[in-house]
């Protein structure tokens, strides 16, 4: 079936030509991801200061231990939710999983 196909027959582009061949959608999505990462790490860097600041100064007034527990619960949740939602999508289908996730988020 693929006897006559060989990777040597594919024209190899140079690095700059490969980058230039990417569509504008790639750059839009990449830019959005970059902005999201900058926002995430910006919040992550300052969250400890905000949580420790006294309530009178506009902070949450919690201890480092409490902040660590909250952060650990968040990290565990972020780790395991994709595993279970991926399994759900495999069994139910991705559209049904998106609908279910939307309903759960609304509730």
PDB file of N, CA and C in Angstrom:
ATOM      1  N   UNK A   1       0.816  -1.194   0.000  1.00  0.00           N
ATOM      2  CA  UNK A   1       0.000   0.000   0.000  1.00  0.00           C
ATOM      3  C   UNK A   1       0.864   1.263   0.000  1.00  0.00           C
ATOM      4  N   UNK A   2       1.856   1.299   0.882  1.00  0.00           N
ATOM      5  CA  UNK A   2       2.713   2.474   0.975  1.00  0.00           C
ATOM      6  C   UNK A   2       4.112   2.185   0.437  1.00  0.00           C
ATOM      7  N   UNK A   3       4.222   1.261  -0.476  1.00  0.00           N
ATOM      8  CA  UNK A   3       5.532   0.834  -0.952  1.00  0.00           C
ATOM      9  C   UNK A   3       6.298   1.949  -1.645  1.00  0.00           C
ATOM     10  N   UNK A   4       5.619   2.768  -2.409  1.00  0.00           N
ATOM     11  CA  UNK A   4       6.308   3.796  -3.176  1.00  0.00           C
ATOM     12  C   UNK A   4       6.480   5.102  -2.405  1.00  0.00           C
ATOM     13  N   UNK A   5       5.915   5.181  -1.211  1.00  0.00           N
ATOM     14  CA  UNK A   5       6.045   6.397  -0.408  1.00  0.00           C
ATOM     15  C   UNK A   5       7.301   6.312   0.437  1.00  0.00           C
ATOM     16  N   UNK A   6       8.057   7.363   0.419  1.00  0.00           N
ATOM     17  CA  UNK A   6       9.295   7.399   1.179  1.00  0.00           C
ATOM     18  C   UNK A   6       9.478   8.825   1.695  1.00  0.00           C
ATOM     19  N   UNK A   7       9.915   8.954   2.915  1.00  0.00           N
ATOM     20  CA  UNK A   7      10.111  10.290   3.477  1.00  0.00           C
ATOM     21  C   UNK A   7      11.165  11.073   2.717  1.00  0.00           C
ATOM     22  N   UNK A   8      12.053  10.389   2.030  1.00  0.00           N
ATOM     23  CA  UNK A   8      13.070  11.094   1.253  1.00  0.00           C
ATOM     24  C   UNK A   8      12.449  11.833   0.071  1.00  0.00           C
ATOM     25  N   UNK A   9      11.230  11.444  -0.305  1.00  0.00           N
ATOM     26  CA  UNK A   9      10.556  12.105  -1.420  1.00  0.00           C
ATOM     27  C   UNK A   9       9.882  13.414  -0.999  1.00  0.00           C
ATOM     28  N   UNK A  10       9.741  13.630   0.294  1.00  0.00           N
ATOM     29  CA  UNK A  10       9.093  14.841   0.792  1.00  0.00           C
ATOM     30  C   UNK A  10      10.108  15.972   0.796  1.00  0.00           C
ATOM     31  N   UNK A  11       9.698  17.121   0.246  1.00  0.00           N
ATOM     32  CA  UNK A  11      10.599  18.272   0.212  1.00  0.00           C
ATOM     33  C   UNK A  11      10.804  18.788   1.632  1.00  0.00           C
ATOM     34  N   UNK A  12      12.036  18.862   2.051  1.00  0.00           N
ATOM     35  CA  UNK A  12      12.367  19.326   3.385  1.00  0.00           C
ATOM     36  C   UNK A  12      12.578  20.838   3.357  1.00  0.00           C
ATOM     37  N   UNK A  13      11.849  21.547   4.193  1.00  0.00           N
ATOM     38  CA  UNK A  13      11.989  22.996   4.287  1.00  0.00           C
ATOM     39  C   UNK A  13      13.033  23.338   5.334  1.00  0.00           C
ATOM     40  N   UNK A  14      13.672  24.470   5.172  1.00  0.00           N
ATOM     41  CA  UNK A  14      14.588  24.958   6.185  1.00  0.00           C
ATOM     42  C   UNK A  14      13.810  25.482   7.382  1.00  0.00           C
ATOM     43  N   UNK A  15      14.532  25.859   8.426  1.00  0.00           N
ATOM     44  CA  UNK A  15      13.876  26.298   9.653  1.00  0.00           C
ATOM     45  C   UNK A  15      13.006  27.538   9.415  1.00  0.00           C
ATOM     46  N   UNK A  16      13.535  28.552   8.763  1.00  0.00           N
ATOM     47  CA  UNK A  16      12.773  29.786   8.560  1.00  0.00           C
ATOM     48  C   UNK A  16      11.609  29.574   7.606  1.00  0.00           C
ATOM     49  N   UNK A  17      11.798  28.743   6.591  1.00  0.00           N
ATOM     50  CA  UNK A  17      10.702  28.444   5.668  1.00  0.00           C
ATOM     51  C   UNK A  17       9.603  27.664   6.383  1.00  0.00           C
ATOM     52  N   UNK A  18       9.993  26.782   7.289  1.00  0.00           N
ATOM     53  CA  UNK A  18       8.999  26.025   8.063  1.00  0.00           C
ATOM     54  C   UNK A  18       8.181  26.956   8.946  1.00  0.00           C
ATOM     55  N   UNK A  19       8.860  27.880   9.601  1.00  0.00           N
ATOM     56  CA  UNK A  19       8.162  28.837  10.465  1.00  0.00           C
ATOM     57  C   UNK A  19       7.250  29.732   9.636  1.00  0.00           C
ATOM     58  N   UNK A  20       7.733  30.184   8.483  1.00  0.00           N
ATOM     59  CA  UNK A  20       6.935  31.062   7.625  1.00  0.00           C
ATOM     60  C   UNK A  20       5.722  30.343   7.049  1.00  0.00           C
ATOM     61  N   UNK A  21       5.764  29.018   6.975  1.00  0.00           N
ATOM     62  CA  UNK A  21       4.650  28.271   6.387  1.00  0.00           C
ATOM     63  C   UNK A  21       3.484  28.072   7.359  1.00  0.00           C
ATOM     64  N   UNK A  22       3.673  28.422   8.620  1.00  0.00           N
ATOM     65  CA  UNK A  22       2.607  28.251   9.604  1.00  0.00           C
ATOM     66  C   UNK A  22       1.512  29.293   9.375  1.00  0.00           C
ATOM     67  N   UNK A  23       0.266  28.877   9.542  1.00  0.00           N
ATOM     68  CA  UNK A  23      -0.859  29.780   9.278  1.00  0.00           C
ATOM     69  C   UNK A  23      -1.040  30.787  10.413  1.00  0.00           C
ATOM     70  N   UNK A  24      -1.841  31.797  10.143  1.00  0.00           N
ATOM     71  CA  UNK A  24      -2.097  32.831  11.146  1.00  0.00           C
ATOM     72  C   UNK A  24      -2.829  32.268  12.364  1.00  0.00           C
ATOM     73  N   UNK A  25      -3.608  31.214  12.179  1.00  0.00           N
ATOM     74  CA  UNK A  25      -4.302  30.584  13.317  1.00  0.00           C
ATOM     75  C   UNK A  25      -3.282  30.066  14.330  1.00  0.00           C
ATOM     76  N   UNK A  26      -2.197  29.477  13.837  1.00  0.00           N
ATOM     77  CA  UNK A  26      -1.135  29.000  14.728  1.00  0.00           C
ATOM     78  C   UNK A  26      -0.617  30.143  15.591  1.00  0.00           C
ATOM     79  N   UNK A  27      -0.370  31.297  14.985  1.00  0.00           N
ATOM     80  CA  UNK A  27       0.182  32.430  15.719  1.00  0.00           C
ATOM     81  C   UNK A  27      -0.836  33.030  16.686  1.00  0.00           C
ATOM     82  N   UNK A  28      -2.105  33.045  16.321  1.00  0.00           N
ATOM     83  CA  UNK A  28      -3.142  33.541  17.225  1.00  0.00           C
ATOM     84  C   UNK A  28      -3.253  32.632  18.444  1.00  0.00           C
ATOM     85  N   UNK A  29      -3.333  31.333  18.198  1.00  0.00           N
ATOM     86  CA  UNK A  29      -3.449  30.382  19.308  1.00  0.00           C
ATOM     87  C   UNK A  29      -2.187  30.409  20.166  1.00  0.00           C
ATOM     88  N   UNK A  30      -1.023  30.467  19.526  1.00  0.00           N
ATOM     89  CA  UNK A  30       0.229  30.548  20.278  1.00  0.00           C
ATOM     90  C   UNK A  30       0.311  31.809  21.116  1.00  0.00           C
ATOM     91  N   UNK A  31      -0.130  32.940  20.555  1.00  0.00           N
ATOM     92  CA  UNK A  31      -0.140  34.196  21.306  1.00  0.00           C
ATOM     93  C   UNK A  31      -1.088  34.149  22.490  1.00  0.00           C
ATOM     94  N   UNK A  32      -2.256  33.549  22.284  1.00  0.00           N
ATOM     95  CA  UNK A  32      -3.214  33.412  23.390  1.00  0.00           C
ATOM     96  C   UNK A  32      -2.631  32.541  24.498  1.00  0.00           C
ATOM     97  N   UNK A  33      -1.968  31.468  24.119  1.00  0.00           N
ATOM     98  CA  UNK A  33      -1.352  30.584  25.114  1.00  0.00           C
ATOM     99  C   UNK A  33      -0.243  31.311  25.862  1.00  0.00           C
ATOM    100  N   UNK A  34       0.541  32.112  25.154  1.00  0.00           N
ATOM    101  CA  UNK A  34       1.602  32.884  25.790  1.00  0.00           C
ATOM    102  C   UNK A  34       1.027  33.861  26.811  1.00  0.00           C
ATOM    103  N   UNK A  35      -0.016  34.579  26.439  1.00  0.00           N
ATOM    104  CA  UNK A  35      -0.661  35.523  27.357  1.00  0.00           C
ATOM    105  C   UNK A  35      -1.226  34.789  28.570  1.00  0.00           C
ATOM    106  N   UNK A  36      -1.834  33.627  28.341  1.00  0.00           N
ATOM    107  CA  UNK A  36      -2.400  32.842  29.448  1.00  0.00           C
ATOM    108  C   UNK A  36      -1.302  32.399  30.407  1.00  0.00           C
ATOM    109  N   UNK A  37      -0.164  31.962  29.879  1.00  0.00           N
ATOM    110  CA  UNK A  37       0.953  31.522  30.725  1.00  0.00           C
ATOM    111  C   UNK A  37       1.523  32.683  31.529  1.00  0.00           C
ATOM    112  N   UNK A  38       1.675  33.848  30.895  1.00  0.00           N
ATOM    113  CA  UNK A  38       2.188  35.025  31.600  1.00  0.00           C
ATOM    114  C   UNK A  38       1.240  35.400  32.739  1.00  0.00           C
ATOM    115  N   UNK A  39      -0.063  35.372  32.475  1.00  0.00           N
ATOM    116  CA  UNK A  39      -1.043  35.684  33.515  1.00  0.00           C
ATOM    117  C   UNK A  39      -0.979  34.662  34.645  1.00  0.00           C
ATOM    118  N   UNK A  40      -0.884  33.382  34.297  1.00  0.00           N
ATOM    119  CA  UNK A  40      -0.849  32.323  35.313  1.00  0.00           C
ATOM    120  C   UNK A  40       0.362  32.498  36.219  1.00  0.00           C
ATOM    121  N   UNK A  41       1.546  32.628  35.635  1.00  0.00           N
ATOM    122  CA  UNK A  41       2.744  32.723  36.460  1.00  0.00           C
ATOM    123  C   UNK A  41       2.810  34.055  37.201  1.00  0.00           C
ATOM    124  N   UNK A  42       2.216  35.106  36.657  1.00  0.00           N
ATOM    125  CA  UNK A  42       2.140  36.369  37.381  1.00  0.00           C
ATOM    126  C   UNK A  42       1.293  36.249  38.630  1.00  0.00           C
ATOM    127  N   UNK A  43       0.139  35.604  38.504  1.00  0.00           N
ATOM    128  CA  UNK A  43      -0.736  35.386  39.663  1.00  0.00           C
ATOM    129  C   UNK A  43      -0.069  34.429  40.643  1.00  0.00           C
ATOM    130  N   UNK A  44       0.535  33.370  40.123  1.00  0.00           N
ATOM    131  CA  UNK A  44       1.180  32.372  40.987  1.00  0.00           C
ATOM    132  C   UNK A  44       2.302  33.014  41.806  1.00  0.00           C
ATOM    133  N   UNK A  45       3.038  33.937  41.195  1.00  0.00           N
ATOM    134  CA  UNK A  45       4.147  34.583  41.890  1.00  0.00           C
ATOM    135  C   UNK A  45       3.671  35.506  43.005  1.00  0.00           C
ATOM    136  N   UNK A  46       2.553  36.173  42.822  1.00  0.00           N
ATOM    137  CA  UNK A  46       2.086  37.136  43.821  1.00  0.00           C
ATOM    138  C   UNK A  46       1.014  36.580  44.756  1.00  0.00           C
ATOM    139  N   UNK A  47       0.522  35.384  44.504  1.00  0.00           N
ATOM    140  CA  UNK A  47      -0.560  34.825  45.320  1.00  0.00           C
ATOM    141  C   UNK A  47      -0.137  34.627  46.774  1.00  0.00           C
ATOM    142  N   UNK A  48       1.093  34.222  46.997  1.00  0.00           N
ATOM    143  CA  UNK A  48       1.568  34.021  48.364  1.00  0.00           C
ATOM    144  C   UNK A  48       1.545  35.304  49.177  1.00  0.00           C
ATOM    145  N   UNK A  49       1.941  36.407  48.556  1.00  0.00           N
ATOM    146  CA  UNK A  49       1.920  37.700  49.250  1.00  0.00           C
ATOM    147  C   UNK A  49       0.494  38.131  49.562  1.00  0.00           C
ATOM    148  N   UNK A  50      -0.406  37.939  48.599  1.00  0.00           N
ATOM    149  CA  UNK A  50      -1.807  38.319  48.785  1.00  0.00           C
ATOM    150  C   UNK A  50      -2.457  37.500  49.894  1.00  0.00           C
ATOM    151  N   UNK A  51      -2.196  36.206  49.918  1.00  0.00           N
ATOM    152  CA  UNK A  51      -2.853  35.355  50.910  1.00  0.00           C
ATOM    153  C   UNK A  51      -2.333  35.608  52.317  1.00  0.00           C
ATOM    154  N   UNK A  52      -1.063  35.975  52.448  1.00  0.00           N
ATOM    155  CA  UNK A  52      -0.495  36.211  53.778  1.00  0.00           C
ATOM    156  C   UNK A  52      -0.794  37.598  54.320  1.00  0.00           C
ATOM    157  N   UNK A  53      -1.097  38.533  53.452  1.00  0.00           N
ATOM    158  CA  UNK A  53      -1.356  39.904  53.905  1.00  0.00           C
ATOM    159  C   UNK A  53      -2.582  39.925  54.812  1.00  0.00           C
ATOM    160  N   UNK A  54      -2.537  40.744  55.859  1.00  0.00           N
ATOM    161  CA  UNK A  54      -3.691  40.831  56.755  1.00  0.00           C
ATOM    162  C   UNK A  54      -4.939  41.333  56.029  1.00  0.00           C
ATOM    163  N   UNK A  55      -6.089  40.973  56.555  1.00  0.00           N
ATOM    164  CA  UNK A  55      -7.362  41.398  55.965  1.00  0.00           C
ATOM    165  C   UNK A  55      -7.454  42.919  55.949  1.00  0.00           C
ATOM    166  N   UNK A  56      -6.898  43.565  56.972  1.00  0.00           N
ATOM    167  CA  UNK A  56      -6.952  45.029  57.040  1.00  0.00           C
ATOM    168  C   UNK A  56      -6.199  45.688  55.882  1.00  0.00           C
ATOM    169  N   UNK A  57      -5.256  44.954  55.284  1.00  0.00           N
ATOM    170  CA  UNK A  57      -4.497  45.476  54.141  1.00  0.00           C
ATOM    171  C   UNK A  57      -5.035  44.954  52.816  1.00  0.00           C
ATOM    172  N   UNK A  58      -6.162  44.254  52.847  1.00  0.00           N
ATOM    173  CA  UNK A  58      -6.764  43.750  51.615  1.00  0.00           C
ATOM    174  C   UNK A  58      -6.376  42.332  51.260  1.00  0.00           C
ATOM    175  N   UNK A  59      -5.655  41.659  52.142  1.00  0.00           N
ATOM    176  CA  UNK A  59      -5.250  40.275  51.883  1.00  0.00           C
ATOM    177  C   UNK A  59      -6.251  39.287  52.452  1.00  0.00           C
ATOM    178  N   UNK A  60      -5.881  38.013  52.379  1.00  0.00           N
ATOM    179  CA  UNK A  60      -6.761  36.972  52.922  1.00  0.00           C
ATOM    180  C   UNK A  60      -6.463  36.662  54.379  1.00  0.00           C
ATOM    181  N   UNK A  61      -5.255  36.963  54.829  1.00  0.00           N
ATOM    182  CA  UNK A  61      -4.906  36.746  56.224  1.00  0.00           C
ATOM    183  C   UNK A  61      -4.779  35.284  56.615  1.00  0.00           C
ATOM    184  N   UNK A  62      -4.333  34.422  55.703  1.00  0.00           N
ATOM    185  CA  UNK A  62      -4.157  33.010  56.052  1.00  0.00           C
ATOM    186  C   UNK A  62      -2.667  32.717  56.209  1.00  0.00           C
ATOM    187  N   UNK A  63      -2.369  31.619  56.871  1.00  0.00           N
ATOM    188  CA  UNK A  63      -0.980  31.255  57.128  1.00  0.00           C
ATOM    189  C   UNK A  63      -0.380  30.548  55.914  1.00  0.00           C
ATOM    190  N   UNK A  64       0.947  30.405  55.947  1.00  0.00           N
ATOM    191  CA  UNK A  64       1.624  29.676  54.876  1.00  0.00           C
ATOM    192  C   UNK A  64       1.179  28.221  54.819  1.00  0.00           C
ATOM    193  N   UNK A  65       0.906  27.636  55.974  1.00  0.00           N
ATOM    194  CA  UNK A  65       0.437  26.249  56.008  1.00  0.00           C
ATOM    195  C   UNK A  65      -0.910  26.122  55.307  1.00  0.00           C
ATOM    196  N   UNK A  66      -1.825  27.021  55.611  1.00  0.00           N
ATOM    197  CA  UNK A  66      -3.135  26.990  54.949  1.00  0.00           C
ATOM    198  C   UNK A  66      -2.998  27.210  53.445  1.00  0.00           C
ATOM    199  N   UNK A  67      -2.123  28.141  53.067  1.00  0.00           N
ATOM    200  CA  UNK A  67      -1.884  28.390  51.646  1.00  0.00           C
ATOM    201  C   UNK A  67      -1.295  27.148  50.971  1.00  0.00           C
ATOM    202  N   UNK A  68      -0.399  26.468  51.659  1.00  0.00           N
ATOM    203  CA  UNK A  68       0.184  25.239  51.123  1.00  0.00           C
ATOM    204  C   UNK A  68      -0.848  24.144  50.931  1.00  0.00           C
ATOM    205  N   UNK A  69      -1.769  24.022  51.882  1.00  0.00           N
ATOM    206  CA  UNK A  69      -2.837  23.018  51.761  1.00  0.00           C
ATOM    207  C   UNK A  69      -3.735  23.348  50.576  1.00  0.00           C
ATOM    208  N   UNK A  70      -4.119  24.606  50.449  1.00  0.00           N
ATOM    209  CA  UNK A  70      -4.955  25.025  49.314  1.00  0.00           C
ATOM    210  C   UNK A  70      -4.227  24.762  47.996  1.00  0.00           C
ATOM    211  N   UNK A  71      -2.949  25.118  47.943  1.00  0.00           N
ATOM    212  CA  UNK A  71      -2.160  24.887  46.733  1.00  0.00           C
ATOM    213  C   UNK A  71      -2.017  23.415  46.402  1.00  0.00           C
ATOM    214  N   UNK A  72      -1.861  22.580  47.422  1.00  0.00           N
ATOM    215  CA  UNK A  72      -1.745  21.135  47.198  1.00  0.00           C
ATOM    216  C   UNK A  72      -3.040  20.546  46.668  1.00  0.00           C
ATOM    217  N   UNK A  73      -4.157  20.962  47.242  1.00  0.00           N
ATOM    218  CA  UNK A  73      -5.459  20.477  46.759  1.00  0.00           C
ATOM    219  C   UNK A  73      -5.662  20.901  45.311  1.00  0.00           C
ATOM    220  N   UNK A  74      -5.296  22.138  45.002  1.00  0.00           N
ATOM    221  CA  UNK A  74      -5.418  22.622  43.625  1.00  0.00           C
ATOM    222  C   UNK A  74      -4.541  21.805  42.676  1.00  0.00           C
ATOM    223  N   UNK A  75      -3.290  21.537  43.077  1.00  0.00           N
ATOM    224  CA  UNK A  75      -2.369  20.795  42.212  1.00  0.00           C
ATOM    225  C   UNK A  75      -2.853  19.364  41.979  1.00  0.00           C
ATOM    226  N   UNK A  76      -3.347  18.718  43.020  1.00  0.00           N
ATOM    227  CA  UNK A  76      -3.869  17.353  42.877  1.00  0.00           C
ATOM    228  C   UNK A  76      -5.084  17.351  41.959  1.00  0.00           C
ATOM    229  N   UNK A  77      -5.956  18.332  42.143  1.00  0.00           N
ATOM    230  CA  UNK A  77      -7.144  18.430  41.282  1.00  0.00           C
ATOM    231  C   UNK A  77      -6.737  18.646  39.830  1.00  0.00           C
ATOM    232  N   UNK A  78      -5.794  19.559  39.587  1.00  0.00           N
ATOM    233  CA  UNK A  78      -5.336  19.837  38.228  1.00  0.00           C
ATOM    234  C   UNK A  78      -4.664  18.621  37.596  1.00  0.00           C
ATOM    235  N   UNK A  79      -4.107  17.747  38.416  1.00  0.00           N
ATOM    236  CA  UNK A  79      -3.442  16.557  37.896  1.00  0.00           C
ATOM    237  C   UNK A  79      -4.436  15.479  37.514  1.00  0.00           C
ATOM    238  N   UNK A  80      -5.446  15.254  38.343  1.00  0.00           N
ATOM    239  CA  UNK A  80      -6.326  14.105  38.127  1.00  0.00           C
ATOM    240  C   UNK A  80      -7.583  14.395  37.320  1.00  0.00           C
ATOM    241  N   UNK A  81      -8.051  15.624  37.274  1.00  0.00           N
ATOM    242  CA  UNK A  81      -9.251  15.935  36.483  1.00  0.00           C
ATOM    243  C   UNK A  81      -9.062  15.580  35.006  1.00  0.00           C
ATOM    244  N   UNK A  82      -7.918  15.923  34.375  1.00  0.00           N
ATOM    245  CA  UNK A  82      -7.760  15.535  32.966  1.00  0.00           C
ATOM    246  C   UNK A  82      -7.780  14.024  32.741  1.00  0.00           C
ATOM    247  N   UNK A  83      -7.291  13.257  33.695  1.00  0.00           N
ATOM    248  CA  UNK A  83      -7.301  11.796  33.554  1.00  0.00           C
ATOM    249  C   UNK A  83      -8.734  11.287  33.514  1.00  0.00           C
ATOM    250  N   UNK A  84      -9.551  11.729  34.456  1.00  0.00           N
ATOM    251  CA  UNK A  84     -10.937  11.262  34.515  1.00  0.00           C
ATOM    252  C   UNK A  84     -11.781  11.832  33.381  1.00  0.00           C
ATOM    253  N   UNK A  85     -11.560  13.099  33.050  1.00  0.00           N
ATOM    254  CA  UNK A  85     -12.343  13.671  31.953  1.00  0.00           C
ATOM    255  C   UNK A  85     -11.937  13.070  30.614  1.00  0.00           C
ATOM    256  N   UNK A  86     -10.680  12.699  30.462  1.00  0.00           N
ATOM    257  CA  UNK A  86     -10.254  12.018  29.241  1.00  0.00           C
ATOM    258  C   UNK A  86     -10.888  10.646  29.119  1.00  0.00           C
ATOM    259  N   UNK A  87     -10.953   9.918  30.233  1.00  0.00           N
ATOM    260  CA  UNK A  87     -11.631   8.620  30.222  1.00  0.00           C
ATOM    261  C   UNK A  87     -13.110   8.757  29.929  1.00  0.00           C
ATOM    262  N   UNK A  88     -13.718   9.794  30.493  1.00  0.00           N
ATOM    263  CA  UNK A  88     -15.137  10.045  30.226  1.00  0.00           C
ATOM    264  C   UNK A  88     -15.353  10.365  28.751  1.00  0.00           C
ATOM    265  N   UNK A  89     -14.476  11.165  28.181  1.00  0.00           N
ATOM    266  CA  UNK A  89     -14.599  11.514  26.762  1.00  0.00           C
ATOM    267  C   UNK A  89     -14.425  10.284  25.877  1.00  0.00           C
ATOM    268  N   UNK A  90     -13.532   9.386  26.265  1.00  0.00           N
ATOM    269  CA  UNK A  90     -13.341   8.158  25.488  1.00  0.00           C
ATOM    270  C   UNK A  90     -14.582   7.278  25.521  1.00  0.00           C
ATOM    271  N   UNK A  91     -15.260   7.245  26.651  1.00  0.00           N
ATOM    272  CA  UNK A  91     -16.439   6.381  26.783  1.00  0.00           C
ATOM    273  C   UNK A  91     -17.713   7.023  26.241  1.00  0.00           C
ATOM    274  N   UNK A  92     -17.914   8.309  26.531  1.00  0.00           N
ATOM    275  CA  UNK A  92     -19.166   8.979  26.172  1.00  0.00           C
ATOM    276  C   UNK A  92     -19.088   9.730  24.848  1.00  0.00           C
ATOM    277  N   UNK A  93     -17.915  10.180  24.488  1.00  0.00           N
ATOM    278  CA  UNK A  93     -17.750  11.043  23.326  1.00  0.00           C
ATOM    279  C   UNK A  93     -17.414  12.450  23.790  1.00  0.00           C
ATOM    280  N   UNK A  94     -16.674  13.165  22.963  1.00  0.00           N
ATOM    281  CA  UNK A  94     -16.192  14.468  23.419  1.00  0.00           C
ATOM    282  C   UNK A  94     -17.302  15.511  23.529  1.00  0.00           C
ATOM    283  N   UNK A  95     -18.299  15.455  22.658  1.00  0.00           N
ATOM    284  CA  UNK A  95     -19.380  16.447  22.726  1.00  0.00           C
ATOM    285  C   UNK A  95     -20.206  16.268  23.993  1.00  0.00           C
ATOM    286  N   UNK A  96     -20.498  15.033  24.327  1.00  0.00           N
ATOM    287  CA  UNK A  96     -21.257  14.754  25.547  1.00  0.00           C
ATOM    288  C   UNK A  96     -20.454  15.153  26.781  1.00  0.00           C
ATOM    289  N   UNK A  97     -19.137  14.942  26.733  1.00  0.00           N
ATOM    290  CA  UNK A  97     -18.287  15.313  27.863  1.00  0.00           C
ATOM    291  C   UNK A  97     -18.246  16.825  28.036  1.00  0.00           C
ATOM    292  N   UNK A  98     -18.181  17.554  26.939  1.00  0.00           N
ATOM    293  CA  UNK A  98     -18.206  19.020  27.023  1.00  0.00           C
ATOM    294  C   UNK A  98     -19.533  19.488  27.606  1.00  0.00           C
ATOM    295  N   UNK A  99     -20.631  18.879  27.170  1.00  0.00           N
ATOM    296  CA  UNK A  99     -21.952  19.243  27.701  1.00  0.00           C
ATOM    297  C   UNK A  99     -22.027  18.942  29.194  1.00  0.00           C
ATOM    298  N   UNK A 100     -21.563  17.763  29.595  1.00  0.00           N
ATOM    299  CA  UNK A 100     -21.573  17.388  31.013  1.00  0.00           C
ATOM    300  C   UNK A 100     -20.708  18.342  31.831  1.00  0.00           C
ATOM    301  N   UNK A 101     -19.532  18.672  31.332  1.00  0.00           N
ATOM    302  CA  UNK A 101     -18.638  19.595  32.034  1.00  0.00           C
ATOM    303  C   UNK A 101     -19.272  20.973  32.185  1.00  0.00           C
ATOM    304  N   UNK A 102     -19.971  21.416  31.160  1.00  0.00           N
ATOM    305  CA  UNK A 102     -20.645  22.715  31.217  1.00  0.00           C
ATOM    306  C   UNK A 102     -21.732  22.716  32.277  1.00  0.00           C
ATOM    307  N   UNK A 103     -22.520  21.645  32.328  1.00  0.00           N
ATOM    308  CA  UNK A 103     -23.583  21.541  33.338  1.00  0.00           C
ATOM    309  C   UNK A 103     -22.981  21.523  34.735  1.00  0.00           C
ATOM    310  N   UNK A 104     -21.912  20.755  34.930  1.00  0.00           N
ATOM    311  CA  UNK A 104     -21.264  20.689  36.249  1.00  0.00           C
ATOM    312  C   UNK A 104     -20.732  22.062  36.647  1.00  0.00           C
ATOM    313  N   UNK A 105     -20.138  22.775  35.701  1.00  0.00           N
ATOM    314  CA  UNK A 105     -19.600  24.103  36.012  1.00  0.00           C
ATOM    315  C   UNK A 105     -20.702  25.095  36.359  1.00  0.00           C
ATOM    316  N   UNK A 106     -21.847  24.988  35.679  1.00  0.00           N
ATOM    317  CA  UNK A 106     -22.974  25.881  35.971  1.00  0.00           C
ATOM    318  C   UNK A 106     -23.510  25.635  37.376  1.00  0.00           C
ATOM    319  N   UNK A 107     -23.573  24.367  37.767  1.00  0.00           N
ATOM    320  CA  UNK A 107     -24.094  24.038  39.093  1.00  0.00           C
ATOM    321  C   UNK A 107     -23.125  24.505  40.144  1.00  0.00           C
TER     322      UNK A 107
END
